[in-house]
Amino acid sequence: MASPTYLMSMPLHAITEVYGEPGLRDRLDEELARFSPADRPRLAAAAELAAHLHRDDRRVREPYLNHLLRVAIRIIRYYEVDDVDVIVAALLHDAVEDHPEELAGLPPGQPYDVATRAALAELARRFNPRVADLVRAVTNPEYAPDRDRHEQYRAHVAESLDRHPWARVIKVSDFTDNGVGIIHTTGDRVARLARKYRPLVPLFRELIGRPDTPLSTRAKDHIFDQLDLAETRFAAILGD
């Protein structure tokens, strides 16, 4: 494994390509070292819960956990956020959507709304209600089968983030990992994801630019640059 200094200098997808999940875990540990000793156990518990729930999940060529680690690290390092609840929620932002029954301790086959409510209640119990509320804000609802899923996804993102400034921070890191990181995706998914995500670029630009989005000017400028890069890649993929 690389030295901590070298690891801290590397882009997150470069760590992924060279060192994989162990490298991202080490990078997260380095980032968490600046948090108070009282906060680190809660952050570590969130990372381990995410690893457990997503242990069998894959994301193209990598463990799904890598995505969650990058989303959290990006928020700490590039968005300059030290709010523990936000980082915990970032690590667990897909837990309720992907594994509600296991998280809640329910048997399989529960109705979506029942499993979702129970999973959010479990996050509130394990961490606190604010963490659960942040995860709820970035969890997709059950979609109507007779309407376009991508349109419903975009409508949900716009409505949910409009009233939840801190959830914008988590979601834009998630979007950056998916959008800028689209070049690490292969096959038919590339164009499909570009069509799904591209209409969200102006939405995120507007949301992040709002005065109530709780980020520094430097962090917002970094995000705007990343949104420009995502748009460039979407355009190239779709042949514009």
C-alpha atoms as a PDB file:
ATOM      1  CA  MET A   1       0.000   0.000   0.000  1.00  0.00           C
ATOM      2  CA  ALA A   2       1.155   3.565  -0.660  1.00  0.00           C
ATOM      3  CA  SER A   3       2.323   5.830   2.120  1.00  0.00           C
ATOM      4  CA  PRO A   4      -0.396   7.936   3.747  1.00  0.00           C
ATOM      5  CA  THR A   5       1.099  11.100   2.245  1.00  0.00           C
ATOM      6  CA  TYR A   6       0.997   9.666  -1.271  1.00  0.00           C
ATOM      7  CA  LEU A   7      -2.497   8.260  -0.760  1.00  0.00           C
ATOM      8  CA  MET A   8      -3.753  11.666   0.361  1.00  0.00           C
ATOM      9  CA  SER A   9      -2.391  13.231  -2.841  1.00  0.00           C
ATOM     10  CA  MET A  10      -4.198  10.854  -5.192  1.00  0.00           C
ATOM     11  CA  PRO A  11      -7.563  11.452  -6.915  1.00  0.00           C
ATOM     12  CA  LEU A  12     -10.215   9.133  -5.531  1.00  0.00           C
ATOM     13  CA  HIS A  13     -10.767   7.167  -8.733  1.00  0.00           C
ATOM     14  CA  ALA A  14      -7.002   6.745  -9.074  1.00  0.00           C
ATOM     15  CA  ILE A  15      -6.908   5.173  -5.610  1.00  0.00           C
ATOM     16  CA  THR A  16      -9.743   2.915  -6.716  1.00  0.00           C
ATOM     17  CA  GLU A  17      -7.919   1.781  -9.855  1.00  0.00           C
ATOM     18  CA  VAL A  18      -4.562   1.190  -8.182  1.00  0.00           C
ATOM     19  CA  TYR A  19      -5.393   0.083  -4.641  1.00  0.00           C
ATOM     20  CA  GLY A  20      -9.094  -0.783  -4.694  1.00  0.00           C
ATOM     21  CA  GLU A  21     -11.240  -0.956  -1.584  1.00  0.00           C
ATOM     22  CA  PRO A  22      -8.291  -1.264   0.859  1.00  0.00           C
ATOM     23  CA  GLY A  23      -6.825   1.958  -0.522  1.00  0.00           C
ATOM     24  CA  LEU A  24     -10.097   3.829  -0.151  1.00  0.00           C
ATOM     25  CA  ARG A  25     -10.537   2.498   3.375  1.00  0.00           C
ATOM     26  CA  ASP A  26      -7.045   3.722   4.262  1.00  0.00           C
ATOM     27  CA  ARG A  27      -7.766   7.095   2.696  1.00  0.00           C
ATOM     28  CA  LEU A  28     -10.973   7.405   4.731  1.00  0.00           C
ATOM     29  CA  ASP A  29      -9.036   6.520   7.885  1.00  0.00           C
ATOM     30  CA  GLU A  30      -6.563   9.298   7.105  1.00  0.00           C
ATOM     31  CA  GLU A  31      -9.388  11.781   6.580  1.00  0.00           C
ATOM     32  CA  LEU A  32     -11.089  10.743   9.813  1.00  0.00           C
ATOM     33  CA  ALA A  33      -7.908  11.196  11.843  1.00  0.00           C
ATOM     34  CA  ARG A  34      -8.630  14.922  12.135  1.00  0.00           C
ATOM     35  CA  PHE A  35     -11.981  14.316  13.817  1.00  0.00           C
ATOM     36  CA  SER A  36     -12.230  14.227  17.582  1.00  0.00           C
ATOM     37  CA  PRO A  37     -11.744  10.879  19.353  1.00  0.00           C
ATOM     38  CA  ALA A  38     -15.354  11.150  20.534  1.00  0.00           C
ATOM     39  CA  ASP A  39     -16.633  11.274  16.945  1.00  0.00           C
ATOM     40  CA  ARG A  40     -14.468   8.619  15.317  1.00  0.00           C
ATOM     41  CA  PRO A  41     -16.317   5.556  16.701  1.00  0.00           C
ATOM     42  CA  ARG A  42     -19.597   6.747  15.182  1.00  0.00           C
ATOM     43  CA  LEU A  43     -17.944   7.368  11.822  1.00  0.00           C
ATOM     44  CA  ALA A  44     -16.251   3.974  11.945  1.00  0.00           C
ATOM     45  CA  ALA A  45     -19.552   2.309  12.856  1.00  0.00           C
ATOM     46  CA  ALA A  46     -21.217   3.891   9.820  1.00  0.00           C
ATOM     47  CA  ALA A  47     -18.442   2.674   7.530  1.00  0.00           C
ATOM     48  CA  GLU A  48     -18.654  -0.858   8.895  1.00  0.00           C
ATOM     49  CA  LEU A  49     -22.440  -0.921   8.654  1.00  0.00           C
ATOM     50  CA  ALA A  50     -22.192   0.206   5.029  1.00  0.00           C
ATOM     51  CA  ALA A  51     -19.595  -2.501   4.350  1.00  0.00           C
ATOM     52  CA  HIS A  52     -21.817  -5.146   5.913  1.00  0.00           C
ATOM     53  CA  LEU A  53     -25.033  -4.168   4.155  1.00  0.00           C
ATOM     54  CA  HIS A  54     -23.388  -3.834   0.741  1.00  0.00           C
ATOM     55  CA  ARG A  55     -20.988  -6.764   1.142  1.00  0.00           C
ATOM     56  CA  ASP A  56     -22.351  -8.658  -1.874  1.00  0.00           C
ATOM     57  CA  ASP A  57     -23.133  -5.621  -4.058  1.00  0.00           C
ATOM     58  CA  ARG A  58     -21.119  -4.818  -7.158  1.00  0.00           C
ATOM     59  CA  ARG A  59     -20.840  -1.625  -9.186  1.00  0.00           C
ATOM     60  CA  VAL A  60     -19.612  -2.526 -12.665  1.00  0.00           C
ATOM     61  CA  ARG A  61     -16.014  -3.636 -11.950  1.00  0.00           C
ATOM     62  CA  GLU A  62     -15.777  -2.861  -8.251  1.00  0.00           C
ATOM     63  CA  PRO A  63     -17.355  -3.489  -4.849  1.00  0.00           C
ATOM     64  CA  TYR A  64     -20.256  -1.114  -4.261  1.00  0.00           C
ATOM     65  CA  LEU A  65     -18.632   0.014  -1.029  1.00  0.00           C
ATOM     66  CA  ASN A  66     -16.029   1.894  -3.077  1.00  0.00           C
ATOM     67  CA  HIS A  67     -18.707   4.292  -4.284  1.00  0.00           C
ATOM     68  CA  LEU A  68     -19.873   4.995  -0.734  1.00  0.00           C
ATOM     69  CA  LEU A  69     -16.330   5.582   0.465  1.00  0.00           C
ATOM     70  CA  ARG A  70     -15.611   8.020  -2.359  1.00  0.00           C
ATOM     71  CA  VAL A  71     -18.835   9.942  -1.694  1.00  0.00           C
ATOM     72  CA  ALA A  72     -17.899  10.387   1.968  1.00  0.00           C
ATOM     73  CA  ILE A  73     -14.223  11.202   1.351  1.00  0.00           C
ATOM     74  CA  ARG A  74     -15.148  13.797  -1.292  1.00  0.00           C
ATOM     75  CA  ILE A  75     -17.428  15.561   1.181  1.00  0.00           C
ATOM     76  CA  ILE A  76     -14.696  15.709   3.803  1.00  0.00           C
ATOM     77  CA  ARG A  77     -11.737  16.623   1.604  1.00  0.00           C
ATOM     78  CA  TYR A  78     -13.113  18.662  -1.294  1.00  0.00           C
ATOM     79  CA  TYR A  79     -16.296  20.091   0.238  1.00  0.00           C
ATOM     80  CA  GLU A  80     -14.502  20.819   3.540  1.00  0.00           C
ATOM     81  CA  VAL A  81     -17.335  19.413   5.651  1.00  0.00           C
ATOM     82  CA  ASP A  82     -16.711  18.267   9.218  1.00  0.00           C
ATOM     83  CA  ASP A  83     -20.347  17.661  10.193  1.00  0.00           C
ATOM     84  CA  VAL A  84     -20.324  14.084  11.502  1.00  0.00           C
ATOM     85  CA  ASP A  85     -24.015  13.464  10.824  1.00  0.00           C
ATOM     86  CA  VAL A  86     -23.554  14.412   7.163  1.00  0.00           C
ATOM     87  CA  ILE A  87     -20.591  12.065   6.723  1.00  0.00           C
ATOM     88  CA  VAL A  88     -22.393   9.208   8.477  1.00  0.00           C
ATOM     89  CA  ALA A  89     -25.378   9.757   6.191  1.00  0.00           C
ATOM     90  CA  ALA A  90     -23.097   9.881   3.149  1.00  0.00           C
ATOM     91  CA  LEU A  91     -21.645   6.472   4.015  1.00  0.00           C
ATOM     92  CA  LEU A  92     -25.163   5.089   4.453  1.00  0.00           C
ATOM     93  CA  HIS A  93     -26.942   7.038   1.710  1.00  0.00           C
ATOM     94  CA  ASP A  94     -27.927   3.891  -0.215  1.00  0.00           C
ATOM     95  CA  ALA A  95     -28.557   1.619   2.775  1.00  0.00           C
ATOM     96  CA  VAL A  96     -32.299   2.225   3.063  1.00  0.00           C
ATOM     97  CA  GLU A  97     -32.892   2.141  -0.676  1.00  0.00           C
ATOM     98  CA  ASP A  98     -30.888  -1.046  -1.304  1.00  0.00           C
ATOM     99  CA  HIS A  99     -31.178  -3.068   1.921  1.00  0.00           C
ATOM    100  CA  PRO A 100     -34.115  -1.813   4.017  1.00  0.00           C
ATOM    101  CA  GLU A 101     -35.241  -5.193   5.316  1.00  0.00           C
ATOM    102  CA  GLU A 102     -31.814  -6.333   6.442  1.00  0.00           C
ATOM    103  CA  LEU A 103     -31.117  -2.971   8.064  1.00  0.00           C
ATOM    104  CA  ALA A 104     -34.452  -3.061   9.890  1.00  0.00           C
ATOM    105  CA  GLY A 105     -34.210  -6.747  10.831  1.00  0.00           C
ATOM    106  CA  LEU A 106     -37.332  -7.642   8.873  1.00  0.00           C
ATOM    107  CA  PRO A 107     -37.975 -10.783   6.818  1.00  0.00           C
ATOM    108  CA  PRO A 108     -37.794 -10.409   3.023  1.00  0.00           C
ATOM    109  CA  GLY A 109     -40.835  -9.475   1.021  1.00  0.00           C
ATOM    110  CA  GLN A 110     -42.058  -6.467   2.998  1.00  0.00           C
ATOM    111  CA  PRO A 111     -43.943  -3.673   1.196  1.00  0.00           C
ATOM    112  CA  TYR A 112     -41.542  -0.916   0.133  1.00  0.00           C
ATOM    113  CA  ASP A 113     -43.007   1.756   2.408  1.00  0.00           C
ATOM    114  CA  VAL A 114     -43.047  -0.561   5.437  1.00  0.00           C
ATOM    115  CA  ALA A 115     -39.430  -1.625   4.960  1.00  0.00           C
ATOM    116  CA  THR A 116     -38.306   1.944   4.279  1.00  0.00           C
ATOM    117  CA  ARG A 117     -39.931   3.369   7.407  1.00  0.00           C
ATOM    118  CA  ALA A 118     -38.501   0.594   9.563  1.00  0.00           C
ATOM    119  CA  ALA A 119     -35.015   1.031   8.113  1.00  0.00           C
ATOM    120  CA  LEU A 120     -35.065   4.778   8.715  1.00  0.00           C
ATOM    121  CA  ALA A 121     -36.225   4.175  12.283  1.00  0.00           C
ATOM    122  CA  GLU A 122     -33.269   1.828  12.773  1.00  0.00           C
ATOM    123  CA  LEU A 123     -30.846   4.482  11.515  1.00  0.00           C
ATOM    124  CA  ALA A 124     -32.392   6.969  13.925  1.00  0.00           C
ATOM    125  CA  ARG A 125     -31.931   4.443  16.751  1.00  0.00           C
ATOM    126  CA  ARG A 126     -28.335   3.553  15.882  1.00  0.00           C
ATOM    127  CA  PHE A 127     -27.176   7.080  15.086  1.00  0.00           C
ATOM    128  CA  ASN A 128     -29.743   9.845  15.510  1.00  0.00           C
ATOM    129  CA  PRO A 129     -32.902  11.232  13.853  1.00  0.00           C
ATOM    130  CA  ARG A 130     -30.933  13.781  11.825  1.00  0.00           C
ATOM    131  CA  VAL A 131     -28.889  11.052  10.136  1.00  0.00           C
ATOM    132  CA  ALA A 132     -32.104   9.211   9.325  1.00  0.00           C
ATOM    133  CA  ASP A 133     -33.650  12.393   7.908  1.00  0.00           C
ATOM    134  CA  LEU A 134     -30.629  13.028   5.685  1.00  0.00           C
ATOM    135  CA  VAL A 135     -30.744   9.477   4.344  1.00  0.00           C
ATOM    136  CA  ARG A 136     -34.486   9.751   3.816  1.00  0.00           C
ATOM    137  CA  ALA A 137     -33.984  12.885   1.725  1.00  0.00           C
ATOM    138  CA  VAL A 138     -31.646  11.080  -0.704  1.00  0.00           C
ATOM    139  CA  THR A 139     -33.569   7.781  -0.806  1.00  0.00           C
ATOM    140  CA  ASN A 140     -35.593   7.212  -3.949  1.00  0.00           C
ATOM    141  CA  PRO A 141     -39.316   6.554  -3.499  1.00  0.00           C
ATOM    142  CA  GLU A 142     -41.154   3.621  -4.994  1.00  0.00           C
ATOM    143  CA  TYR A 143     -41.723   4.569  -8.612  1.00  0.00           C
ATOM    144  CA  ALA A 144     -45.007   4.335 -10.480  1.00  0.00           C
ATOM    145  CA  PRO A 145     -44.655   1.533 -13.048  1.00  0.00           C
ATOM    146  CA  ASP A 146     -46.562   3.402 -15.748  1.00  0.00           C
ATOM    147  CA  ARG A 147     -44.233   6.439 -15.807  1.00  0.00           C
ATOM    148  CA  ASP A 148     -40.644   6.876 -16.952  1.00  0.00           C
ATOM    149  CA  ARG A 149     -38.334   5.954 -14.058  1.00  0.00           C
ATOM    150  CA  HIS A 150     -35.667   8.489 -15.012  1.00  0.00           C
ATOM    151  CA  GLU A 151     -38.205  11.319 -15.104  1.00  0.00           C
ATOM    152  CA  GLN A 152     -39.526  10.273 -11.696  1.00  0.00           C
ATOM    153  CA  TYR A 153     -35.974  10.110 -10.340  1.00  0.00           C
ATOM    154  CA  ARG A 154     -35.186  13.628 -11.528  1.00  0.00           C
ATOM    155  CA  ALA A 155     -38.473  14.994 -10.160  1.00  0.00           C
ATOM    156  CA  HIS A 156     -37.776  13.413  -6.771  1.00  0.00           C
ATOM    157  CA  VAL A 157     -34.252  14.859  -6.642  1.00  0.00           C
ATOM    158  CA  ALA A 158     -35.522  18.351  -7.447  1.00  0.00           C
ATOM    159  CA  GLU A 159     -38.340  18.250  -4.897  1.00  0.00           C
ATOM    160  CA  SER A 160     -36.398  16.631  -2.066  1.00  0.00           C
ATOM    161  CA  LEU A 161     -33.258  18.759  -2.348  1.00  0.00           C
ATOM    162  CA  ASP A 162     -35.191  22.001  -2.754  1.00  0.00           C
ATOM    163  CA  ARG A 163     -36.016  21.963   0.949  1.00  0.00           C
ATOM    164  CA  HIS A 164     -32.993  20.140   2.386  1.00  0.00           C
ATOM    165  CA  PRO A 165     -29.680  22.029   2.024  1.00  0.00           C
ATOM    166  CA  TRP A 166     -27.453  19.430   3.685  1.00  0.00           C
ATOM    167  CA  ALA A 167     -28.953  16.639   1.616  1.00  0.00           C
ATOM    168  CA  ARG A 168     -27.783  18.601  -1.461  1.00  0.00           C
ATOM    169  CA  VAL A 169     -24.223  18.131  -0.250  1.00  0.00           C
ATOM    170  CA  ILE A 170     -24.578  14.356  -0.058  1.00  0.00           C
ATOM    171  CA  LYS A 171     -26.453  14.074  -3.329  1.00  0.00           C
ATOM    172  CA  VAL A 172     -24.062  16.220  -5.342  1.00  0.00           C
ATOM    173  CA  SER A 173     -21.147  14.080  -4.166  1.00  0.00           C
ATOM    174  CA  ASP A 174     -23.121  11.007  -5.190  1.00  0.00           C
ATOM    175  CA  PHE A 175     -23.878  12.662  -8.543  1.00  0.00           C
ATOM    176  CA  THR A 176     -20.231  13.610  -9.044  1.00  0.00           C
ATOM    177  CA  ASP A 177     -19.131  10.047  -8.441  1.00  0.00           C
ATOM    178  CA  ASN A 178     -21.679   8.811 -10.975  1.00  0.00           C
ATOM    179  CA  GLY A 179     -21.372  11.648 -13.489  1.00  0.00           C
ATOM    180  CA  VAL A 180     -17.685  12.534 -13.571  1.00  0.00           C
ATOM    181  CA  GLY A 181     -16.927   8.887 -12.871  1.00  0.00           C
ATOM    182  CA  ILE A 182     -19.017   7.725 -15.822  1.00  0.00           C
ATOM    183  CA  ILE A 183     -15.801   7.140 -17.782  1.00  0.00           C
ATOM    184  CA  HIS A 184     -15.160   4.173 -15.488  1.00  0.00           C
ATOM    185  CA  THR A 185     -18.441   2.554 -16.564  1.00  0.00           C
ATOM    186  CA  THR A 186     -18.587   0.152 -19.491  1.00  0.00           C
ATOM    187  CA  GLY A 187     -21.078  -1.260 -21.980  1.00  0.00           C
ATOM    188  CA  ASP A 188     -24.610  -0.117 -22.724  1.00  0.00           C
ATOM    189  CA  ARG A 189     -24.906   1.485 -19.291  1.00  0.00           C
ATOM    190  CA  VAL A 190     -22.684   4.393 -20.342  1.00  0.00           C
ATOM    191  CA  ALA A 191     -25.152   6.066 -22.719  1.00  0.00           C
ATOM    192  CA  ARG A 192     -28.144   5.109 -20.576  1.00  0.00           C
ATOM    193  CA  LEU A 193     -26.625   6.740 -17.488  1.00  0.00           C
ATOM    194  CA  ALA A 194     -25.546   9.809 -19.450  1.00  0.00           C
ATOM    195  CA  ARG A 195     -29.147  10.324 -20.574  1.00  0.00           C
ATOM    196  CA  LYS A 196     -30.369   9.805 -17.003  1.00  0.00           C
ATOM    197  CA  TYR A 197     -27.935  12.170 -15.328  1.00  0.00           C
ATOM    198  CA  ARG A 198     -27.336  14.930 -17.874  1.00  0.00           C
ATOM    199  CA  PRO A 199     -30.597  16.844 -17.224  1.00  0.00           C
ATOM    200  CA  LEU A 200     -29.580  17.130 -13.561  1.00  0.00           C
ATOM    201  CA  VAL A 201     -26.454  19.196 -14.236  1.00  0.00           C
ATOM    202  CA  PRO A 202     -28.266  22.583 -14.383  1.00  0.00           C
ATOM    203  CA  LEU A 203     -30.415  21.583 -11.402  1.00  0.00           C
ATOM    204  CA  PHE A 204     -27.378  20.853  -9.248  1.00  0.00           C
ATOM    205  CA  ARG A 205     -25.694  24.032 -10.430  1.00  0.00           C
ATOM    206  CA  GLU A 206     -28.708  26.044  -9.258  1.00  0.00           C
ATOM    207  CA  LEU A 207     -29.084  24.166  -5.968  1.00  0.00           C
ATOM    208  CA  ILE A 208     -25.416  24.385  -5.004  1.00  0.00           C
ATOM    209  CA  GLY A 209     -25.341  28.073  -5.914  1.00  0.00           C
ATOM    210  CA  ARG A 210     -28.109  28.928  -3.476  1.00  0.00           C
ATOM    211  CA  PRO A 211     -27.091  31.000  -0.433  1.00  0.00           C
ATOM    212  CA  ASP A 212     -28.542  28.411   1.950  1.00  0.00           C
ATOM    213  CA  THR A 213     -26.366  25.577   0.644  1.00  0.00           C
ATOM    214  CA  PRO A 214     -23.939  25.265   3.583  1.00  0.00           C
ATOM    215  CA  LEU A 215     -20.620  25.177   1.730  1.00  0.00           C
ATOM    216  CA  SER A 216     -17.747  27.602   1.309  1.00  0.00           C
ATOM    217  CA  THR A 217     -17.248  29.522  -1.923  1.00  0.00           C
ATOM    218  CA  ARG A 218     -14.162  27.419  -2.618  1.00  0.00           C
ATOM    219  CA  ALA A 219     -16.111  24.171  -2.200  1.00  0.00           C
ATOM    220  CA  LYS A 220     -18.920  25.450  -4.427  1.00  0.00           C
ATOM    221  CA  ASP A 221     -16.414  26.463  -7.117  1.00  0.00           C
ATOM    222  CA  HIS A 222     -14.925  22.977  -6.971  1.00  0.00           C
ATOM    223  CA  ILE A 223     -18.377  21.459  -7.444  1.00  0.00           C
ATOM    224  CA  PHE A 224     -19.139  23.785 -10.370  1.00  0.00           C
ATOM    225  CA  ASP A 225     -15.915  22.638 -12.047  1.00  0.00           C
ATOM    226  CA  GLN A 226     -16.922  19.024 -11.533  1.00  0.00           C
ATOM    227  CA  LEU A 227     -20.370  19.684 -12.976  1.00  0.00           C
ATOM    228  CA  ASP A 228     -18.721  21.250 -16.044  1.00  0.00           C
ATOM    229  CA  LEU A 229     -16.582  18.130 -16.424  1.00  0.00           C
ATOM    230  CA  ALA A 230     -19.615  15.869 -16.080  1.00  0.00           C
ATOM    231  CA  GLU A 231     -21.454  17.862 -18.772  1.00  0.00           C
ATOM    232  CA  THR A 232     -18.437  17.602 -21.075  1.00  0.00           C
ATOM    233  CA  ARG A 233     -18.378  13.843 -20.652  1.00  0.00           C
ATOM    234  CA  PHE A 234     -22.123  13.449 -21.108  1.00  0.00           C
ATOM    235  CA  ALA A 235     -21.945  15.486 -24.319  1.00  0.00           C
ATOM    236  CA  ALA A 236     -19.079  13.376 -25.646  1.00  0.00           C
ATOM    237  CA  ILE A 237     -20.893  10.129 -24.826  1.00  0.00           C
ATOM    238  CA  LEU A 238     -24.137  11.271 -26.432  1.00  0.00           C
ATOM    239  CA  GLY A 239     -22.412  12.700 -29.486  1.00  0.00           C
ATOM    240  CA  ASP A 240     -23.335  16.366 -29.027  1.00  0.00           C
END
